[in-house]
Amino acid sequence: MSLRKKSKISTEFNMSSMTDIIFLLLIFFIVTSSVTRESVLKVVLPKARPTDNMVKKTIKLSVTADKQYAVDQNIVSLEDLPFALQEALNANPEAVVSVHGDKKVEYEEVMNLVKIADDKGAKVVLALDKEAKK
């Protein structure tokens, strides 16, 4: 007498129905994505206006290694420097003051020039040379 079951359970999985479903979903998403349009925001960008005052005048404030001070090309003493700078700023109030210091000048001297220009209410930038002078 045989006690074995006559029906065996198959462990195989049929993938043909799964691939059909995946292809149908793929087609559905392709069709719906091409039909729907994204809503577009209309952004109003600012327009540039041509202006003549784009390039501002620069006042060069400098100190040399032997502590000679200059406003543009005019050599002045340290006591007269604030007055000469104020005259240059009165001539062009929108000017930017560019502070130049020699390589051998102490940091404190350059910062004194920055402080003087700042006290006069000027816009101050420190200028750096690409190649240091020897």
C-alpha atoms as a PDB file:
ATOM      1  CA  MET A   1       0.000   0.000   0.000  1.00  0.00           C
ATOM      2  CA  SER A   2       1.329   3.347  -1.049  1.00  0.00           C
ATOM      3  CA  LEU A   3       0.853   6.378   1.227  1.00  0.00           C
ATOM      4  CA  ARG A   4       2.263   9.028  -1.088  1.00  0.00           C
ATOM      5  CA  LYS A   5       0.119  11.838  -2.295  1.00  0.00           C
ATOM      6  CA  LYS A   6      -0.760  11.781  -5.898  1.00  0.00           C
ATOM      7  CA  SER A   7      -0.837  15.563  -6.403  1.00  0.00           C
ATOM      8  CA  LYS A   8       2.392  17.474  -6.123  1.00  0.00           C
ATOM      9  CA  ILE A   9       2.561  21.193  -5.423  1.00  0.00           C
ATOM     10  CA  SER A  10       4.530  22.979  -8.077  1.00  0.00           C
ATOM     11  CA  THR A  11       7.131  25.440  -6.782  1.00  0.00           C
ATOM     12  CA  GLU A  12       7.519  27.149 -10.155  1.00  0.00           C
ATOM     13  CA  PHE A  13       6.257  30.675 -10.604  1.00  0.00           C
ATOM     14  CA  ASN A  14       4.806  31.848 -13.875  1.00  0.00           C
ATOM     15  CA  MET A  15       6.206  35.315 -14.706  1.00  0.00           C
ATOM     16  CA  SER A  16       4.207  35.931 -17.867  1.00  0.00           C
ATOM     17  CA  SER A  17       1.277  37.517 -16.041  1.00  0.00           C
ATOM     18  CA  MET A  18       3.628  39.700 -13.962  1.00  0.00           C
ATOM     19  CA  THR A  19       5.408  41.040 -17.042  1.00  0.00           C
ATOM     20  CA  ASP A  20       2.055  41.852 -18.646  1.00  0.00           C
ATOM     21  CA  ILE A  21       1.040  43.904 -15.631  1.00  0.00           C
ATOM     22  CA  ILE A  22       4.387  45.760 -15.565  1.00  0.00           C
ATOM     23  CA  PHE A  23       4.178  46.644 -19.254  1.00  0.00           C
ATOM     24  CA  LEU A  24       0.594  47.852 -18.829  1.00  0.00           C
ATOM     25  CA  LEU A  25       1.632  50.063 -15.911  1.00  0.00           C
ATOM     26  CA  LEU A  26       4.587  51.399 -17.888  1.00  0.00           C
ATOM     27  CA  ILE A  27       2.376  52.298 -20.853  1.00  0.00           C
ATOM     28  CA  PHE A  28      -0.167  53.906 -18.514  1.00  0.00           C
ATOM     29  CA  PHE A  29       2.449  56.147 -16.874  1.00  0.00           C
ATOM     30  CA  ILE A  30       3.998  57.125 -20.198  1.00  0.00           C
ATOM     31  CA  VAL A  31       0.630  58.119 -21.647  1.00  0.00           C
ATOM     32  CA  THR A  32      -0.544  60.041 -18.571  1.00  0.00           C
ATOM     33  CA  SER A  33       2.740  61.899 -18.140  1.00  0.00           C
ATOM     34  CA  SER A  34       2.654  63.184 -21.724  1.00  0.00           C
ATOM     35  CA  VAL A  35      -1.007  64.231 -21.464  1.00  0.00           C
ATOM     36  CA  THR A  36      -0.771  66.276 -18.267  1.00  0.00           C
ATOM     37  CA  ARG A  37       0.996  69.594 -18.508  1.00  0.00           C
ATOM     38  CA  GLU A  38       2.911  71.181 -15.700  1.00  0.00           C
ATOM     39  CA  SER A  39       1.544  74.494 -14.538  1.00  0.00           C
ATOM     40  CA  VAL A  40       4.035  77.191 -15.408  1.00  0.00           C
ATOM     41  CA  LEU A  41       4.579  80.221 -13.214  1.00  0.00           C
ATOM     42  CA  LYS A  42       5.070  83.432 -15.099  1.00  0.00           C
ATOM     43  CA  VAL A  43       7.924  85.264 -13.443  1.00  0.00           C
ATOM     44  CA  VAL A  44       8.404  88.937 -14.085  1.00  0.00           C
ATOM     45  CA  LEU A  45      12.150  89.582 -14.179  1.00  0.00           C
ATOM     46  CA  PRO A  46      13.546  93.072 -13.649  1.00  0.00           C
ATOM     47  CA  LYS A  47      14.904  94.855 -16.663  1.00  0.00           C
ATOM     48  CA  ALA A  48      18.340  96.430 -16.661  1.00  0.00           C
ATOM     49  CA  ARG A  49      18.505 100.138 -17.193  1.00  0.00           C
ATOM     50  CA  PRO A  50      21.511 101.649 -18.887  1.00  0.00           C
ATOM     51  CA  THR A  51      23.186 104.105 -16.565  1.00  0.00           C
ATOM     52  CA  ASP A  52      26.199 106.252 -17.059  1.00  0.00           C
ATOM     53  CA  ASN A  53      27.274 106.182 -13.432  1.00  0.00           C
ATOM     54  CA  MET A  54      28.054 102.463 -13.304  1.00  0.00           C
ATOM     55  CA  VAL A  55      31.786 103.134 -13.068  1.00  0.00           C
ATOM     56  CA  LYS A  56      32.466 105.174  -9.976  1.00  0.00           C
ATOM     57  CA  LYS A  57      35.523 107.304  -9.490  1.00  0.00           C
ATOM     58  CA  THR A  58      38.209 105.901  -7.236  1.00  0.00           C
ATOM     59  CA  ILE A  59      40.276 108.033  -4.892  1.00  0.00           C
ATOM     60  CA  LYS A  60      43.662 106.455  -4.243  1.00  0.00           C
ATOM     61  CA  LEU A  61      44.879 106.846  -0.687  1.00  0.00           C
ATOM     62  CA  SER A  62      48.421 105.533  -0.273  1.00  0.00           C
ATOM     63  CA  VAL A  63      51.378 105.313   2.068  1.00  0.00           C
ATOM     64  CA  THR A  64      54.935 104.531   0.983  1.00  0.00           C
ATOM     65  CA  ALA A  65      57.724 102.717   2.824  1.00  0.00           C
ATOM     66  CA  ASP A  66      59.201 106.017   4.068  1.00  0.00           C
ATOM     67  CA  LYS A  67      55.746 107.064   5.397  1.00  0.00           C
ATOM     68  CA  GLN A  68      54.843 109.545   2.695  1.00  0.00           C
ATOM     69  CA  TYR A  69      51.078 109.863   2.366  1.00  0.00           C
ATOM     70  CA  ALA A  70      49.245 110.706  -0.832  1.00  0.00           C
ATOM     71  CA  VAL A  71      45.687 111.383  -1.944  1.00  0.00           C
ATOM     72  CA  ASP A  72      45.564 110.365  -5.607  1.00  0.00           C
ATOM     73  CA  GLN A  73      48.954 111.704  -6.795  1.00  0.00           C
ATOM     74  CA  ASN A  74      49.186 114.622  -4.333  1.00  0.00           C
ATOM     75  CA  ILE A  75      51.677 114.023  -1.503  1.00  0.00           C
ATOM     76  CA  VAL A  76      50.426 115.416   1.803  1.00  0.00           C
ATOM     77  CA  SER A  77      51.469 115.215   5.431  1.00  0.00           C
ATOM     78  CA  LEU A  78      49.650 112.982   7.908  1.00  0.00           C
ATOM     79  CA  GLU A  79      48.096 116.037   9.592  1.00  0.00           C
ATOM     80  CA  ASP A  80      46.738 117.394   6.270  1.00  0.00           C
ATOM     81  CA  LEU A  81      45.562 113.992   5.016  1.00  0.00           C
ATOM     82  CA  PRO A  82      41.992 114.178   6.410  1.00  0.00           C
ATOM     83  CA  PHE A  83      41.474 117.628   4.871  1.00  0.00           C
ATOM     84  CA  ALA A  84      42.856 116.572   1.464  1.00  0.00           C
ATOM     85  CA  LEU A  85      40.678 113.464   1.526  1.00  0.00           C
ATOM     86  CA  GLN A  86      37.612 115.526   2.444  1.00  0.00           C
ATOM     87  CA  GLU A  87      38.283 117.875  -0.488  1.00  0.00           C
ATOM     88  CA  ALA A  88      38.539 114.919  -2.862  1.00  0.00           C
ATOM     89  CA  LEU A  89      35.302 113.447  -1.458  1.00  0.00           C
ATOM     90  CA  ASN A  90      33.530 116.814  -1.766  1.00  0.00           C
ATOM     91  CA  ALA A  91      34.511 116.915  -5.440  1.00  0.00           C
ATOM     92  CA  ASN A  92      33.071 113.417  -5.980  1.00  0.00           C
ATOM     93  CA  PRO A  93      30.823 112.228  -3.110  1.00  0.00           C
ATOM     94  CA  GLU A  94      30.097 108.813  -4.698  1.00  0.00           C
ATOM     95  CA  ALA A  95      33.789 107.943  -5.031  1.00  0.00           C
ATOM     96  CA  VAL A  96      35.289 104.823  -3.516  1.00  0.00           C
ATOM     97  CA  VAL A  97      38.486 105.228  -1.506  1.00  0.00           C
ATOM     98  CA  SER A  98      41.107 102.647  -2.438  1.00  0.00           C
ATOM     99  CA  VAL A  99      43.766 102.256   0.268  1.00  0.00           C
ATOM    100  CA  HIS A 100      47.234 101.229  -0.924  1.00  0.00           C
ATOM    101  CA  GLY A 101      50.118 100.395   1.362  1.00  0.00           C
ATOM    102  CA  ASP A 102      53.698  99.569   0.557  1.00  0.00           C
ATOM    103  CA  LYS A 103      54.859  96.052   1.362  1.00  0.00           C
ATOM    104  CA  LYS A 104      57.292  97.315   4.010  1.00  0.00           C
ATOM    105  CA  VAL A 105      54.778  99.567   5.774  1.00  0.00           C
ATOM    106  CA  GLU A 106      53.457  98.448   9.136  1.00  0.00           C
ATOM    107  CA  TYR A 107      49.882  97.218   9.260  1.00  0.00           C
ATOM    108  CA  GLU A 108      48.975  99.963  11.715  1.00  0.00           C
ATOM    109  CA  GLU A 109      49.803 102.699   9.190  1.00  0.00           C
ATOM    110  CA  VAL A 110      47.493 101.188   6.579  1.00  0.00           C
ATOM    111  CA  MET A 111      44.704 100.786   9.132  1.00  0.00           C
ATOM    112  CA  ASN A 112      45.120 104.450  10.108  1.00  0.00           C
ATOM    113  CA  LEU A 113      44.350 105.352   6.501  1.00  0.00           C
ATOM    114  CA  VAL A 114      41.284 103.104   6.576  1.00  0.00           C
ATOM    115  CA  LYS A 115      40.115 104.752   9.801  1.00  0.00           C
ATOM    116  CA  ILE A 116      40.586 108.254   8.388  1.00  0.00           C
ATOM    117  CA  ALA A 117      38.598 107.369   5.268  1.00  0.00           C
ATOM    118  CA  ASP A 118      35.902 105.676   7.341  1.00  0.00           C
ATOM    119  CA  ASP A 119      35.596 108.723   9.596  1.00  0.00           C
ATOM    120  CA  LYS A 120      34.916 110.814   6.490  1.00  0.00           C
ATOM    121  CA  GLY A 121      32.048 108.461   5.542  1.00  0.00           C
ATOM    122  CA  ALA A 122      33.710 107.061   2.440  1.00  0.00           C
ATOM    123  CA  LYS A 123      33.341 103.579   1.020  1.00  0.00           C
ATOM    124  CA  VAL A 124      36.731 101.973   1.652  1.00  0.00           C
ATOM    125  CA  VAL A 125      38.437  99.083  -0.138  1.00  0.00           C
ATOM    126  CA  LEU A 126      41.895  97.692   0.490  1.00  0.00           C
ATOM    127  CA  ALA A 127      43.894  97.336  -2.700  1.00  0.00           C
ATOM    128  CA  LEU A 128      46.232  94.414  -3.249  1.00  0.00           C
ATOM    129  CA  ASP A 129      48.865  94.226  -5.947  1.00  0.00           C
ATOM    130  CA  LYS A 130      49.161  90.932  -7.827  1.00  0.00           C
ATOM    131  CA  GLU A 131      52.912  91.280  -7.958  1.00  0.00           C
ATOM    132  CA  ALA A 132      54.624  92.675  -4.913  1.00  0.00           C
ATOM    133  CA  LYS A 133      57.091  95.431  -5.670  1.00  0.00           C
ATOM    134  CA  LYS A 134      60.615  94.798  -4.462  1.00  0.00           C
END
